[in-house]
């Protein structure tokens, strides 16, 4: 499959060119345009209804994904995620899987399996309402971030501590530990934040912006207007 990522790093758009009968799978709602010869098949993300329900409730993802298949001739389809930010390509192989934030998933080739039943984190929950998936198999995986992508390659034994709201993905060759962060930030915010301590070898992908903090900032502007109109 040929593909191009346009308009990096702030307004990234993934454009895939599919040969006849070639398929790419994408998160429902991610498509921006496609040529008329692309056939779309909507299906549940998981084989069982309860698997889809679990992913929707825990990961805040849709129940469904769309398979886009070119018919008769080469076709083109483009995808983008909701947050303003970058798109990165991850190569998944038998020896290299990834653990990714579910909200960052955009699309993947059919040979990549997203395992929502993976229980690497306690009860499947990751930090403050975030849910992580394990990507395995062999193929291309496309992820979106809020803001720019900051990649770190950790050597054997090298460590990095990442705020959970900024953590996007890391290699499944890494060891990790989720723990409380009780320093200045938690004191200012009045709560106990969570961070992940990651130990190499492997790659770590971080987003430079925090969507939760952005929403909170927007509310400081919109909140007073909403409250004044409600009175």
C-alpha atoms as a PDB file:
ATOM      1  CA  UNK A   1       0.000   0.000   0.000  1.00  0.00           C
ATOM      2  CA  UNK A   2       1.287   3.437  -0.937  1.00  0.00           C
ATOM      3  CA  UNK A   3       0.542   6.273   1.455  1.00  0.00           C
ATOM      4  CA  UNK A   4       1.480   9.869   2.170  1.00  0.00           C
ATOM      5  CA  UNK A   5       1.126  12.011   5.278  1.00  0.00           C
ATOM      6  CA  UNK A   6       0.422  15.602   4.258  1.00  0.00           C
ATOM      7  CA  UNK A   7       0.449  18.891   6.165  1.00  0.00           C
ATOM      8  CA  UNK A   8       2.690  17.752   9.023  1.00  0.00           C
ATOM      9  CA  UNK A   9       3.077  18.486  11.847  1.00  0.00           C
ATOM     10  CA  UNK A  10      -0.028  20.445  12.924  1.00  0.00           C
ATOM     11  CA  UNK A  11      -2.797  19.472  10.494  1.00  0.00           C
ATOM     12  CA  UNK A  12      -1.662  16.042   9.340  1.00  0.00           C
ATOM     13  CA  UNK A  13      -3.728  14.125   6.785  1.00  0.00           C
ATOM     14  CA  UNK A  14      -3.160  10.456   5.887  1.00  0.00           C
ATOM     15  CA  UNK A  15      -3.733   9.668   2.193  1.00  0.00           C
ATOM     16  CA  UNK A  16      -3.702   5.978   1.199  1.00  0.00           C
ATOM     17  CA  UNK A  17      -3.553   4.736  -2.380  1.00  0.00           C
ATOM     18  CA  UNK A  18      -5.051   1.267  -2.680  1.00  0.00           C
ATOM     19  CA  UNK A  19      -4.508  -1.226  -5.473  1.00  0.00           C
ATOM     20  CA  UNK A  20      -7.552  -3.247  -6.629  1.00  0.00           C
ATOM     21  CA  UNK A  21      -8.884  -5.395  -3.744  1.00  0.00           C
ATOM     22  CA  UNK A  22      -6.408  -3.849  -1.297  1.00  0.00           C
ATOM     23  CA  UNK A  23      -7.930  -2.913   2.087  1.00  0.00           C
ATOM     24  CA  UNK A  24      -7.161  -0.455   4.851  1.00  0.00           C
ATOM     25  CA  UNK A  25      -9.042  -0.410   8.153  1.00  0.00           C
ATOM     26  CA  UNK A  26      -9.815   2.875   9.901  1.00  0.00           C
ATOM     27  CA  UNK A  27     -11.579   4.232  12.942  1.00  0.00           C
ATOM     28  CA  UNK A  28     -15.222   5.085  12.180  1.00  0.00           C
ATOM     29  CA  UNK A  29     -15.507   8.802  11.433  1.00  0.00           C
ATOM     30  CA  UNK A  30     -11.854   9.264  10.414  1.00  0.00           C
ATOM     31  CA  UNK A  31     -12.453   9.367   6.632  1.00  0.00           C
ATOM     32  CA  UNK A  32     -12.278  12.803   4.954  1.00  0.00           C
ATOM     33  CA  UNK A  33     -12.621  11.833   1.277  1.00  0.00           C
ATOM     34  CA  UNK A  34     -12.363   8.851  -1.070  1.00  0.00           C
ATOM     35  CA  UNK A  35     -12.632   8.068  -4.760  1.00  0.00           C
ATOM     36  CA  UNK A  36     -15.920   6.552  -6.018  1.00  0.00           C
ATOM     37  CA  UNK A  37     -14.440   3.090  -6.578  1.00  0.00           C
ATOM     38  CA  UNK A  38     -13.756   2.582  -2.853  1.00  0.00           C
ATOM     39  CA  UNK A  39     -16.150   0.127  -1.244  1.00  0.00           C
ATOM     40  CA  UNK A  40     -16.806   0.577   2.480  1.00  0.00           C
ATOM     41  CA  UNK A  41     -17.669  -2.252   4.844  1.00  0.00           C
ATOM     42  CA  UNK A  42     -18.605  -1.330   8.407  1.00  0.00           C
ATOM     43  CA  UNK A  43     -18.023  -3.950  11.081  1.00  0.00           C
ATOM     44  CA  UNK A  44     -17.678  -4.314  14.809  1.00  0.00           C
ATOM     45  CA  UNK A  45     -14.179  -3.698  16.070  1.00  0.00           C
ATOM     46  CA  UNK A  46     -14.233  -6.937  18.070  1.00  0.00           C
ATOM     47  CA  UNK A  47     -15.684 -10.271  17.045  1.00  0.00           C
ATOM     48  CA  UNK A  48     -18.000 -10.371  20.050  1.00  0.00           C
ATOM     49  CA  UNK A  49     -20.529  -7.699  21.007  1.00  0.00           C
ATOM     50  CA  UNK A  50     -19.182  -7.526  24.541  1.00  0.00           C
ATOM     51  CA  UNK A  51     -15.666  -7.008  23.228  1.00  0.00           C
ATOM     52  CA  UNK A  52     -16.885  -4.015  21.225  1.00  0.00           C
ATOM     53  CA  UNK A  53     -18.891  -2.734  24.169  1.00  0.00           C
ATOM     54  CA  UNK A  54     -15.869  -2.967  26.448  1.00  0.00           C
ATOM     55  CA  UNK A  55     -13.716  -1.022  24.025  1.00  0.00           C
ATOM     56  CA  UNK A  56     -16.383   1.641  23.619  1.00  0.00           C
ATOM     57  CA  UNK A  57     -16.954   2.151  27.323  1.00  0.00           C
ATOM     58  CA  UNK A  58     -13.353   1.918  28.480  1.00  0.00           C
ATOM     59  CA  UNK A  59     -11.579   3.369  25.491  1.00  0.00           C
ATOM     60  CA  UNK A  60     -14.258   5.875  24.469  1.00  0.00           C
ATOM     61  CA  UNK A  61     -13.936   4.536  20.949  1.00  0.00           C
ATOM     62  CA  UNK A  62     -16.702   3.685  18.527  1.00  0.00           C
ATOM     63  CA  UNK A  63     -18.175   0.197  18.354  1.00  0.00           C
ATOM     64  CA  UNK A  64     -17.277   0.004  14.689  1.00  0.00           C
ATOM     65  CA  UNK A  65     -14.430   0.332  12.224  1.00  0.00           C
ATOM     66  CA  UNK A  66     -14.611   0.701   8.457  1.00  0.00           C
ATOM     67  CA  UNK A  67     -12.780  -1.443   5.910  1.00  0.00           C
ATOM     68  CA  UNK A  68     -12.019   0.507   2.729  1.00  0.00           C
ATOM     69  CA  UNK A  69     -11.392  -1.643  -0.360  1.00  0.00           C
ATOM     70  CA  UNK A  70     -10.487  -0.481  -3.869  1.00  0.00           C
ATOM     71  CA  UNK A  71     -12.620  -1.941  -6.659  1.00  0.00           C
ATOM     72  CA  UNK A  72     -11.534  -2.522 -10.302  1.00  0.00           C
ATOM     73  CA  UNK A  73      -8.751   0.066 -10.257  1.00  0.00           C
ATOM     74  CA  UNK A  74      -6.471   2.063  -7.961  1.00  0.00           C
ATOM     75  CA  UNK A  75      -8.382   4.117  -5.418  1.00  0.00           C
ATOM     76  CA  UNK A  76      -7.597   6.794  -2.865  1.00  0.00           C
ATOM     77  CA  UNK A  77      -8.922   7.435   0.617  1.00  0.00           C
ATOM     78  CA  UNK A  78      -7.836  10.003   3.222  1.00  0.00           C
ATOM     79  CA  UNK A  79      -8.121  10.038   7.019  1.00  0.00           C
ATOM     80  CA  UNK A  80      -7.667  12.494   9.848  1.00  0.00           C
ATOM     81  CA  UNK A  81      -8.345  12.434  13.583  1.00  0.00           C
ATOM     82  CA  UNK A  82     -10.230  15.054  15.578  1.00  0.00           C
ATOM     83  CA  UNK A  83      -7.384  16.694  17.561  1.00  0.00           C
ATOM     84  CA  UNK A  84      -5.120  19.190  15.837  1.00  0.00           C
ATOM     85  CA  UNK A  85      -1.794  17.408  15.603  1.00  0.00           C
ATOM     86  CA  UNK A  86       0.567  15.053  13.836  1.00  0.00           C
ATOM     87  CA  UNK A  87       0.280  11.564  12.336  1.00  0.00           C
ATOM     88  CA  UNK A  88       2.993   8.937  12.736  1.00  0.00           C
ATOM     89  CA  UNK A  89       3.520   5.563  11.045  1.00  0.00           C
ATOM     90  CA  UNK A  90       4.529   2.596  13.201  1.00  0.00           C
ATOM     91  CA  UNK A  91       5.863  -0.630  11.678  1.00  0.00           C
ATOM     92  CA  UNK A  92       4.387  -3.608  13.510  1.00  0.00           C
ATOM     93  CA  UNK A  93       6.160  -6.946  13.165  1.00  0.00           C
ATOM     94  CA  UNK A  94       6.356 -10.314  14.895  1.00  0.00           C
ATOM     95  CA  UNK A  95       9.242  -8.995  17.004  1.00  0.00           C
ATOM     96  CA  UNK A  96       7.949  -5.439  17.413  1.00  0.00           C
ATOM     97  CA  UNK A  97       4.497  -4.648  18.747  1.00  0.00           C
ATOM     98  CA  UNK A  98       3.242  -1.465  20.384  1.00  0.00           C
ATOM     99  CA  UNK A  99       1.114  -0.380  23.282  1.00  0.00           C
ATOM    100  CA  UNK A 100      -0.934   2.624  22.169  1.00  0.00           C
ATOM    101  CA  UNK A 101      -3.481   4.998  23.595  1.00  0.00           C
ATOM    102  CA  UNK A 102      -6.784   3.931  22.025  1.00  0.00           C
ATOM    103  CA  UNK A 103      -7.822   7.511  21.226  1.00  0.00           C
ATOM    104  CA  UNK A 104      -4.697   7.871  19.063  1.00  0.00           C
ATOM    105  CA  UNK A 105      -5.654   5.082  16.638  1.00  0.00           C
ATOM    106  CA  UNK A 106      -6.502   6.219  13.099  1.00  0.00           C
ATOM    107  CA  UNK A 107      -5.947   3.304  10.738  1.00  0.00           C
ATOM    108  CA  UNK A 108      -3.993   0.125  10.065  1.00  0.00           C
ATOM    109  CA  UNK A 109      -3.414  -2.528   7.461  1.00  0.00           C
ATOM    110  CA  UNK A 110      -5.517  -5.657   7.864  1.00  0.00           C
ATOM    111  CA  UNK A 111      -2.641  -7.734   9.203  1.00  0.00           C
ATOM    112  CA  UNK A 112      -2.374  -5.577  12.351  1.00  0.00           C
ATOM    113  CA  UNK A 113      -4.422  -6.823  15.293  1.00  0.00           C
ATOM    114  CA  UNK A 114      -5.608  -4.414  18.004  1.00  0.00           C
ATOM    115  CA  UNK A 115      -5.999  -6.405  21.189  1.00  0.00           C
ATOM    116  CA  UNK A 116      -8.418  -4.624  23.558  1.00  0.00           C
ATOM    117  CA  UNK A 117      -8.569  -7.675  25.828  1.00  0.00           C
ATOM    118  CA  UNK A 118      -4.924  -7.213  26.736  1.00  0.00           C
ATOM    119  CA  UNK A 119      -4.618  -6.830  30.502  1.00  0.00           C
ATOM    120  CA  UNK A 120      -1.147  -5.353  30.819  1.00  0.00           C
ATOM    121  CA  UNK A 121      -2.495  -2.526  32.966  1.00  0.00           C
ATOM    122  CA  UNK A 122      -4.569  -3.089  36.089  1.00  0.00           C
ATOM    123  CA  UNK A 123      -8.104  -4.025  34.982  1.00  0.00           C
ATOM    124  CA  UNK A 124      -7.274  -2.642  31.524  1.00  0.00           C
ATOM    125  CA  UNK A 125      -7.545   0.931  32.788  1.00  0.00           C
ATOM    126  CA  UNK A 126      -4.605   3.200  32.174  1.00  0.00           C
ATOM    127  CA  UNK A 127      -4.180   6.232  34.354  1.00  0.00           C
ATOM    128  CA  UNK A 128      -6.807   8.936  34.515  1.00  0.00           C
ATOM    129  CA  UNK A 129      -9.472   7.502  32.248  1.00  0.00           C
ATOM    130  CA  UNK A 130      -7.084   6.520  29.442  1.00  0.00           C
ATOM    131  CA  UNK A 131      -7.244   3.099  27.862  1.00  0.00           C
ATOM    132  CA  UNK A 132      -4.381   1.388  26.096  1.00  0.00           C
ATOM    133  CA  UNK A 133      -4.451  -1.213  23.325  1.00  0.00           C
ATOM    134  CA  UNK A 134      -1.791  -3.679  22.262  1.00  0.00           C
ATOM    135  CA  UNK A 135      -1.016  -3.713  18.547  1.00  0.00           C
ATOM    136  CA  UNK A 136       0.515  -6.920  17.225  1.00  0.00           C
ATOM    137  CA  UNK A 137       0.842  -8.821  13.979  1.00  0.00           C
ATOM    138  CA  UNK A 138       2.649  -7.431  10.953  1.00  0.00           C
ATOM    139  CA  UNK A 139       1.908  -4.288   8.959  1.00  0.00           C
ATOM    140  CA  UNK A 140       1.429  -0.528   9.201  1.00  0.00           C
ATOM    141  CA  UNK A 141      -0.208   1.272  12.122  1.00  0.00           C
ATOM    142  CA  UNK A 142      -1.120   4.969  11.904  1.00  0.00           C
ATOM    143  CA  UNK A 143      -1.535   7.021  15.063  1.00  0.00           C
ATOM    144  CA  UNK A 144      -2.548  10.628  15.720  1.00  0.00           C
ATOM    145  CA  UNK A 145      -1.344  12.927  18.473  1.00  0.00           C
ATOM    146  CA  UNK A 146      -2.549  16.205  19.956  1.00  0.00           C
ATOM    147  CA  UNK A 147       0.275  18.567  19.092  1.00  0.00           C
ATOM    148  CA  UNK A 148       3.601  17.351  17.748  1.00  0.00           C
ATOM    149  CA  UNK A 149       5.107  13.880  18.191  1.00  0.00           C
ATOM    150  CA  UNK A 150       8.189  13.639  20.383  1.00  0.00           C
ATOM    151  CA  UNK A 151       9.981  10.314  19.860  1.00  0.00           C
ATOM    152  CA  UNK A 152      12.510   8.880  22.327  1.00  0.00           C
ATOM    153  CA  UNK A 153      14.586   5.757  21.653  1.00  0.00           C
ATOM    154  CA  UNK A 154      15.606   4.099  24.901  1.00  0.00           C
ATOM    155  CA  UNK A 155      18.621   1.843  25.140  1.00  0.00           C
ATOM    156  CA  UNK A 156      18.722  -1.289  27.289  1.00  0.00           C
ATOM    157  CA  UNK A 157      18.074  -0.207  30.889  1.00  0.00           C
ATOM    158  CA  UNK A 158      17.507   3.457  30.016  1.00  0.00           C
ATOM    159  CA  UNK A 159      14.431   4.972  31.691  1.00  0.00           C
ATOM    160  CA  UNK A 160      11.925   7.750  31.047  1.00  0.00           C
ATOM    161  CA  UNK A 161       9.033   9.010  33.192  1.00  0.00           C
ATOM    162  CA  UNK A 162       6.050  10.274  31.160  1.00  0.00           C
ATOM    163  CA  UNK A 163       2.845  12.023  32.207  1.00  0.00           C
ATOM    164  CA  UNK A 164      -0.036   9.709  31.292  1.00  0.00           C
ATOM    165  CA  UNK A 165      -1.936  12.365  29.339  1.00  0.00           C
ATOM    166  CA  UNK A 166       1.123  12.913  27.130  1.00  0.00           C
ATOM    167  CA  UNK A 167       1.962   9.241  26.568  1.00  0.00           C
ATOM    168  CA  UNK A 168       0.832   8.030  23.136  1.00  0.00           C
ATOM    169  CA  UNK A 169       2.657   4.756  22.480  1.00  0.00           C
ATOM    170  CA  UNK A 170       5.698   2.668  23.317  1.00  0.00           C
ATOM    171  CA  UNK A 171       7.301  -0.549  22.107  1.00  0.00           C
ATOM    172  CA  UNK A 172       6.108  -3.737  23.773  1.00  0.00           C
ATOM    173  CA  UNK A 173       9.782  -4.587  24.368  1.00  0.00           C
ATOM    174  CA  UNK A 174       9.797  -1.961  27.119  1.00  0.00           C
ATOM    175  CA  UNK A 175       9.131  -2.623  30.779  1.00  0.00           C
ATOM    176  CA  UNK A 176       6.826  -0.136  32.483  1.00  0.00           C
ATOM    177  CA  UNK A 177       5.326   0.778  35.810  1.00  0.00           C
ATOM    178  CA  UNK A 178       2.387   3.120  36.475  1.00  0.00           C
ATOM    179  CA  UNK A 179       2.773   5.143  39.646  1.00  0.00           C
ATOM    180  CA  UNK A 180       1.560   8.262  41.422  1.00  0.00           C
ATOM    181  CA  UNK A 181       3.273  11.561  40.864  1.00  0.00           C
ATOM    182  CA  UNK A 182       3.151  13.436  44.140  1.00  0.00           C
ATOM    183  CA  UNK A 183       5.298  16.472  43.412  1.00  0.00           C
ATOM    184  CA  UNK A 184       4.570  20.093  42.605  1.00  0.00           C
ATOM    185  CA  UNK A 185       2.102  19.393  39.801  1.00  0.00           C
ATOM    186  CA  UNK A 186      -0.231  17.305  41.953  1.00  0.00           C
ATOM    187  CA  UNK A 187      -0.044  19.942  44.684  1.00  0.00           C
ATOM    188  CA  UNK A 188      -1.045  22.723  42.308  1.00  0.00           C
ATOM    189  CA  UNK A 189      -3.848  20.738  40.699  1.00  0.00           C
ATOM    190  CA  UNK A 190      -5.127  19.494  44.040  1.00  0.00           C
ATOM    191  CA  UNK A 191      -5.014  15.842  43.049  1.00  0.00           C
ATOM    192  CA  UNK A 192      -2.663  12.920  42.594  1.00  0.00           C
ATOM    193  CA  UNK A 193      -1.502  12.561  39.023  1.00  0.00           C
ATOM    194  CA  UNK A 194      -0.279   9.337  37.442  1.00  0.00           C
ATOM    195  CA  UNK A 195       2.858   8.829  35.397  1.00  0.00           C
ATOM    196  CA  UNK A 196       4.387   5.835  33.662  1.00  0.00           C
ATOM    197  CA  UNK A 197       7.987   4.866  34.249  1.00  0.00           C
ATOM    198  CA  UNK A 198       9.229   3.197  31.055  1.00  0.00           C
ATOM    199  CA  UNK A 199      12.438   1.192  30.801  1.00  0.00           C
ATOM    200  CA  UNK A 200      14.115   0.344  27.497  1.00  0.00           C
ATOM    201  CA  UNK A 201      14.948  -1.026  25.083  1.00  0.00           C
ATOM    202  CA  UNK A 202      12.341   0.444  22.748  1.00  0.00           C
ATOM    203  CA  UNK A 203      10.724   3.577  21.363  1.00  0.00           C
ATOM    204  CA  UNK A 204       8.451   5.958  23.271  1.00  0.00           C
ATOM    205  CA  UNK A 205       6.067   8.380  21.513  1.00  0.00           C
ATOM    206  CA  UNK A 206       4.883  11.459  23.408  1.00  0.00           C
ATOM    207  CA  UNK A 207       2.396  14.155  22.387  1.00  0.00           C
ATOM    208  CA  UNK A 208       3.453  17.711  23.165  1.00  0.00           C
ATOM    209  CA  UNK A 209      -0.063  18.896  24.075  1.00  0.00           C
ATOM    210  CA  UNK A 210      -2.480  17.665  26.731  1.00  0.00           C
ATOM    211  CA  UNK A 211      -6.070  17.400  25.499  1.00  0.00           C
ATOM    212  CA  UNK A 212      -7.534  17.428  29.019  1.00  0.00           C
ATOM    213  CA  UNK A 213      -5.691  20.636  29.907  1.00  0.00           C
ATOM    214  CA  UNK A 214      -6.840  22.175  26.610  1.00  0.00           C
ATOM    215  CA  UNK A 215     -10.458  21.357  27.416  1.00  0.00           C
ATOM    216  CA  UNK A 216     -10.051  22.829  30.895  1.00  0.00           C
ATOM    217  CA  UNK A 217      -8.585  25.999  29.392  1.00  0.00           C
ATOM    218  CA  UNK A 218     -11.493  26.300  26.944  1.00  0.00           C
ATOM    219  CA  UNK A 219     -13.922  25.980  29.827  1.00  0.00           C
ATOM    220  CA  UNK A 220     -12.326  28.946  31.587  1.00  0.00           C
ATOM    221  CA  UNK A 221     -13.376  30.996  28.541  1.00  0.00           C
ATOM    222  CA  UNK A 222     -16.736  29.382  27.771  1.00  0.00           C
ATOM    223  CA  UNK A 223     -17.850  28.473  31.289  1.00  0.00           C
ATOM    224  CA  UNK A 224     -18.753  31.989  32.481  1.00  0.00           C
ATOM    225  CA  UNK A 225     -20.810  32.618  29.321  1.00  0.00           C
ATOM    226  CA  UNK A 226     -22.674  29.327  29.635  1.00  0.00           C
ATOM    227  CA  UNK A 227     -23.401  29.936  33.305  1.00  0.00           C
ATOM    228  CA  UNK A 228     -24.557  33.509  32.697  1.00  0.00           C
ATOM    229  CA  UNK A 229     -27.017  32.375  30.006  1.00  0.00           C
ATOM    230  CA  UNK A 230     -28.355  29.625  32.258  1.00  0.00           C
ATOM    231  CA  UNK A 231     -29.368  32.121  34.922  1.00  0.00           C
END
